[in-house]
Amino acid sequence: MQASVWYNYLEKVNKIMRQQNRNILLLADNAPTHIVNENLPLSNVKLHFLPPNTTSHLQPLDAGIINSFKVRNKKKFEYFINFRNFIQNTLILGSI
């Protein structure tokens, strides 16, 4: 995510909360793009950042999802590398 996407999201949430006359607390992790410009007026959104290195403890479901994603993509990557090596070896042996 880019910082501009984060800013746009915060502005939209703040606008919706202002229209609904609500105030919210938004918890965010410490992703590099989750920086906040002090000039960004958030009248109805209070932003609070989680302590560093606590996301895996506070969001354990993310760990399982991320692990499944890594395992699946690792298998695909290994298949691709093995296939590429097979093709390269076949082309090399075929040219001798």
N, C-alpha and C. Protein backbone atom coordinates (compact mmCIF):
# COMPACT_ATOMS: atom_id res chain seq x y z
N MET A 1 0.85 -1.17 0.00
CA MET A 1 0.00 0.00 0.00
C MET A 1 0.90 1.23 0.00
N GLN A 2 0.49 2.22 -0.72
CA GLN A 2 1.22 3.48 -0.73
C GLN A 2 0.63 4.41 0.31
N ALA A 3 1.46 5.36 0.76
CA ALA A 3 0.99 6.31 1.77
C ALA A 3 -0.21 7.10 1.26
N SER A 4 -0.26 7.39 -0.04
CA SER A 4 -1.40 8.15 -0.58
C SER A 4 -2.71 7.36 -0.44
N VAL A 5 -2.65 6.05 -0.59
CA VAL A 5 -3.84 5.21 -0.43
C VAL A 5 -4.29 5.27 1.04
N TRP A 6 -3.34 5.22 1.95
CA TRP A 6 -3.63 5.29 3.38
C TRP A 6 -4.29 6.62 3.73
N TYR A 7 -3.73 7.72 3.19
CA TYR A 7 -4.32 9.05 3.44
C TYR A 7 -5.75 9.13 2.91
N ASN A 8 -5.95 8.63 1.70
CA ASN A 8 -7.30 8.65 1.11
C ASN A 8 -8.27 7.84 1.95
N TYR A 9 -7.82 6.70 2.44
CA TYR A 9 -8.67 5.86 3.28
C TYR A 9 -9.04 6.59 4.57
N LEU A 10 -8.06 7.20 5.21
CA LEU A 10 -8.33 7.92 6.46
C LEU A 10 -9.30 9.08 6.23
N GLU A 11 -9.10 9.80 5.14
CA GLU A 11 -10.00 10.92 4.84
C GLU A 11 -11.43 10.44 4.60
N LYS A 12 -11.59 9.33 3.87
CA LYS A 12 -12.93 8.80 3.60
C LYS A 12 -13.60 8.31 4.88
N VAL A 13 -12.85 7.59 5.71
CA VAL A 13 -13.42 7.11 6.97
C VAL A 13 -13.82 8.29 7.85
N ASN A 14 -12.97 9.29 7.91
CA ASN A 14 -13.28 10.47 8.73
C ASN A 14 -14.54 11.17 8.20
N LYS A 15 -14.67 11.28 6.89
CA LYS A 15 -15.85 11.93 6.30
C LYS A 15 -17.12 11.15 6.63
N ILE A 16 -17.07 9.84 6.50
CA ILE A 16 -18.24 9.00 6.80
C ILE A 16 -18.61 9.12 8.28
N MET A 17 -17.61 9.09 9.14
CA MET A 17 -17.88 9.20 10.58
C MET A 17 -18.45 10.57 10.94
N ARG A 18 -17.98 11.60 10.27
CA ARG A 18 -18.50 12.96 10.50
C ARG A 18 -19.96 13.05 10.06
N GLN A 19 -20.28 12.44 8.91
CA GLN A 19 -21.66 12.44 8.42
C GLN A 19 -22.60 11.68 9.35
N GLN A 20 -22.09 10.63 9.98
CA GLN A 20 -22.89 9.83 10.89
C GLN A 20 -22.82 10.35 12.32
N ASN A 21 -22.09 11.42 12.51
CA ASN A 21 -21.91 12.03 13.84
C ASN A 21 -21.38 10.99 14.84
N ARG A 22 -20.34 10.27 14.41
CA ARG A 22 -19.71 9.25 15.24
C ARG A 22 -18.24 9.54 15.40
N ASN A 23 -17.67 9.09 16.49
CA ASN A 23 -16.23 9.14 16.72
C ASN A 23 -15.74 7.72 16.89
N ILE A 24 -14.60 7.40 16.27
CA ILE A 24 -14.08 6.04 16.37
C ILE A 24 -12.60 6.06 16.72
N LEU A 25 -12.15 4.93 17.24
CA LEU A 25 -10.74 4.68 17.48
C LEU A 25 -10.30 3.67 16.43
N LEU A 26 -9.31 4.01 15.64
CA LEU A 26 -8.82 3.14 14.58
C LEU A 26 -7.45 2.64 14.99
N LEU A 27 -7.31 1.31 15.12
CA LEU A 27 -6.04 0.70 15.46
C LEU A 27 -5.31 0.32 14.18
N ALA A 28 -4.03 0.64 14.12
CA ALA A 28 -3.24 0.34 12.93
C ALA A 28 -1.91 -0.28 13.34
N ASP A 29 -1.38 -1.13 12.48
CA ASP A 29 -0.06 -1.68 12.77
C ASP A 29 1.00 -0.69 12.32
N ASN A 30 2.24 -1.06 12.47
CA ASN A 30 3.35 -0.14 12.18
C ASN A 30 3.92 -0.35 10.78
N ALA A 31 3.06 -0.55 9.82
CA ALA A 31 3.52 -0.69 8.44
C ALA A 31 4.16 0.63 8.00
N PRO A 32 5.18 0.55 7.17
CA PRO A 32 5.88 1.78 6.75
C PRO A 32 4.98 2.82 6.08
N THR A 33 3.92 2.38 5.45
CA THR A 33 3.02 3.33 4.78
C THR A 33 2.00 3.94 5.71
N HIS A 34 1.91 3.44 6.91
CA HIS A 34 0.93 3.96 7.87
C HIS A 34 1.46 5.17 8.64
N ILE A 35 2.07 6.06 7.91
CA ILE A 35 2.53 7.30 8.51
C ILE A 35 1.41 8.32 8.41
N VAL A 36 1.38 9.23 9.35
CA VAL A 36 0.31 10.22 9.36
C VAL A 36 0.93 11.61 9.35
N ASN A 37 0.51 12.38 8.39
CA ASN A 37 0.93 13.77 8.32
C ASN A 37 0.17 14.54 9.39
N GLU A 38 0.85 15.33 10.16
CA GLU A 38 0.19 16.06 11.24
C GLU A 38 -0.79 17.10 10.72
N ASN A 39 -0.71 17.44 9.44
CA ASN A 39 -1.64 18.40 8.84
C ASN A 39 -2.95 17.73 8.39
N LEU A 40 -3.01 16.40 8.50
CA LEU A 40 -4.22 15.69 8.09
C LEU A 40 -5.28 15.85 9.18
N PRO A 41 -6.35 16.56 8.87
CA PRO A 41 -7.37 16.81 9.89
C PRO A 41 -8.30 15.60 10.06
N LEU A 42 -8.17 14.93 11.18
CA LEU A 42 -9.03 13.80 11.50
C LEU A 42 -9.88 14.20 12.70
N SER A 43 -11.06 14.74 12.40
CA SER A 43 -11.92 15.24 13.47
C SER A 43 -12.70 14.14 14.17
N ASN A 44 -13.02 13.05 13.45
CA ASN A 44 -13.87 12.01 14.02
C ASN A 44 -13.17 10.66 14.09
N VAL A 45 -11.89 10.64 13.79
CA VAL A 45 -11.13 9.39 13.85
C VAL A 45 -9.91 9.63 14.73
N LYS A 46 -9.78 8.83 15.76
CA LYS A 46 -8.58 8.85 16.59
C LYS A 46 -7.75 7.66 16.18
N LEU A 47 -6.54 7.91 15.76
CA LEU A 47 -5.66 6.87 15.25
C LEU A 47 -4.67 6.47 16.34
N HIS A 48 -4.57 5.18 16.59
CA HIS A 48 -3.63 4.66 17.58
C HIS A 48 -2.86 3.51 16.95
N PHE A 49 -1.54 3.52 17.12
CA PHE A 49 -0.70 2.49 16.53
C PHE A 49 -0.40 1.40 17.56
N LEU A 50 -0.42 0.15 17.10
CA LEU A 50 -0.07 -0.97 17.96
C LEU A 50 1.42 -0.89 18.30
N PRO A 51 1.81 -1.43 19.45
CA PRO A 51 3.23 -1.45 19.78
C PRO A 51 4.00 -2.26 18.74
N PRO A 52 5.27 -1.94 18.51
CA PRO A 52 6.07 -2.67 17.52
C PRO A 52 6.15 -4.17 17.84
N ASN A 53 6.16 -4.97 16.80
CA ASN A 53 6.34 -6.42 16.88
C ASN A 53 5.25 -7.13 17.69
N THR A 54 4.05 -6.61 17.69
CA THR A 54 2.96 -7.27 18.42
C THR A 54 1.85 -7.72 17.49
N THR A 55 1.96 -7.45 16.21
CA THR A 55 0.88 -7.79 15.28
C THR A 55 0.59 -9.29 15.29
N SER A 56 1.64 -10.13 15.31
CA SER A 56 1.42 -11.58 15.28
C SER A 56 0.73 -12.07 16.55
N HIS A 57 0.92 -11.38 17.67
CA HIS A 57 0.27 -11.78 18.92
C HIS A 57 -1.17 -11.26 18.99
N LEU A 58 -1.38 -10.06 18.46
CA LEU A 58 -2.69 -9.44 18.55
C LEU A 58 -3.61 -9.84 17.40
N GLN A 59 -3.02 -10.31 16.31
CA GLN A 59 -3.81 -10.73 15.15
C GLN A 59 -3.37 -12.13 14.73
N PRO A 60 -3.62 -13.15 15.57
CA PRO A 60 -3.12 -14.49 15.25
C PRO A 60 -3.70 -15.07 13.98
N LEU A 61 -4.88 -14.63 13.58
CA LEU A 61 -5.46 -15.14 12.35
C LEU A 61 -4.62 -14.74 11.14
N ASP A 62 -4.04 -13.54 11.20
CA ASP A 62 -3.16 -13.11 10.12
C ASP A 62 -2.00 -14.06 9.93
N ALA A 63 -1.43 -14.56 11.04
CA ALA A 63 -0.29 -15.46 10.95
C ALA A 63 -0.65 -16.72 10.18
N GLY A 64 -1.83 -17.27 10.45
CA GLY A 64 -2.27 -18.47 9.73
C GLY A 64 -2.50 -18.21 8.26
N ILE A 65 -3.11 -17.09 7.95
CA ILE A 65 -3.37 -16.74 6.56
C ILE A 65 -2.05 -16.49 5.82
N ILE A 66 -1.15 -15.76 6.46
CA ILE A 66 0.14 -15.47 5.85
C ILE A 66 0.92 -16.76 5.65
N ASN A 67 0.90 -17.66 6.64
CA ASN A 67 1.62 -18.93 6.52
C ASN A 67 1.06 -19.76 5.37
N SER A 68 -0.26 -19.84 5.25
CA SER A 68 -0.87 -20.59 4.15
C SER A 68 -0.46 -20.01 2.80
N PHE A 69 -0.44 -18.68 2.71
CA PHE A 69 -0.03 -18.00 1.49
C PHE A 69 1.42 -18.34 1.15
N LYS A 70 2.30 -18.30 2.15
CA LYS A 70 3.72 -18.59 1.93
C LYS A 70 3.92 -20.02 1.47
N VAL A 71 3.25 -20.97 2.12
CA VAL A 71 3.39 -22.37 1.76
C VAL A 71 2.93 -22.61 0.33
N ARG A 72 1.78 -22.05 0.00
CA ARG A 72 1.23 -22.24 -1.35
C ARG A 72 2.14 -21.66 -2.41
N ASN A 73 2.62 -20.44 -2.18
CA ASN A 73 3.47 -19.80 -3.18
C ASN A 73 4.86 -20.42 -3.22
N LYS A 74 5.35 -20.94 -2.11
CA LYS A 74 6.64 -21.62 -2.12
C LYS A 74 6.57 -22.86 -3.01
N LYS A 75 5.46 -23.61 -2.90
CA LYS A 75 5.29 -24.80 -3.74
C LYS A 75 5.24 -24.42 -5.22
N LYS A 76 4.54 -23.34 -5.53
CA LYS A 76 4.47 -22.89 -6.93
C LYS A 76 5.84 -22.45 -7.42
N PHE A 77 6.59 -21.74 -6.57
CA PHE A 77 7.91 -21.27 -6.95
C PHE A 77 8.85 -22.45 -7.17
N GLU A 78 8.81 -23.44 -6.27
CA GLU A 78 9.66 -24.62 -6.43
C GLU A 78 9.32 -25.36 -7.72
N TYR A 79 8.03 -25.47 -8.03
CA TYR A 79 7.62 -26.12 -9.28
C TYR A 79 8.17 -25.37 -10.49
N PHE A 80 8.07 -24.04 -10.44
CA PHE A 80 8.58 -23.22 -11.54
C PHE A 80 10.08 -23.41 -11.72
N ILE A 81 10.84 -23.38 -10.61
CA ILE A 81 12.30 -23.54 -10.68
C ILE A 81 12.66 -24.92 -11.22
N ASN A 82 11.98 -25.94 -10.73
CA ASN A 82 12.25 -27.30 -11.22
C ASN A 82 11.93 -27.43 -12.71
N PHE A 83 10.83 -26.84 -13.14
CA PHE A 83 10.45 -26.88 -14.55
C PHE A 83 11.47 -26.13 -15.40
N ARG A 84 11.88 -24.96 -14.91
CA ARG A 84 12.89 -24.17 -15.65
C ARG A 84 14.19 -24.94 -15.77
N ASN A 85 14.63 -25.57 -14.69
CA ASN A 85 15.87 -26.35 -14.73
C ASN A 85 15.74 -27.53 -15.69
N PHE A 86 14.58 -28.17 -15.69
CA PHE A 86 14.34 -29.28 -16.61
C PHE A 86 14.44 -28.82 -18.06
N ILE A 87 13.81 -27.69 -18.37
CA ILE A 87 13.86 -27.16 -19.74
C ILE A 87 15.29 -26.80 -20.13
N GLN A 88 16.01 -26.13 -19.23
CA GLN A 88 17.38 -25.75 -19.54
C GLN A 88 18.26 -26.99 -19.77
N ASN A 89 18.12 -27.98 -18.91
CA ASN A 89 18.92 -29.20 -19.07
C ASN A 89 18.54 -29.93 -20.35
N THR A 90 17.27 -29.95 -20.71
CA THR A 90 16.82 -30.60 -21.92
C THR A 90 17.40 -29.89 -23.15
N LEU A 91 17.39 -28.57 -23.14
CA LEU A 91 17.93 -27.81 -24.27
C LEU A 91 19.44 -27.99 -24.38
N ILE A 92 20.13 -28.04 -23.25
CA ILE A 92 21.58 -28.21 -23.26
C ILE A 92 21.94 -29.59 -23.76
N LEU A 93 21.25 -30.63 -23.23
CA LEU A 93 21.54 -31.99 -23.67
C LEU A 93 21.14 -32.22 -25.11
N GLY A 94 20.11 -31.56 -25.54
CA GLY A 94 19.65 -31.72 -26.93
C GLY A 94 20.60 -31.07 -27.93
N SER A 95 21.38 -30.09 -27.49
CA SER A 95 22.26 -29.40 -28.42
C SER A 95 23.63 -30.06 -28.49
N ILE A 96 23.89 -31.08 -27.66
CA ILE A 96 25.21 -31.74 -27.69
C ILE A 96 25.23 -32.79 -28.76
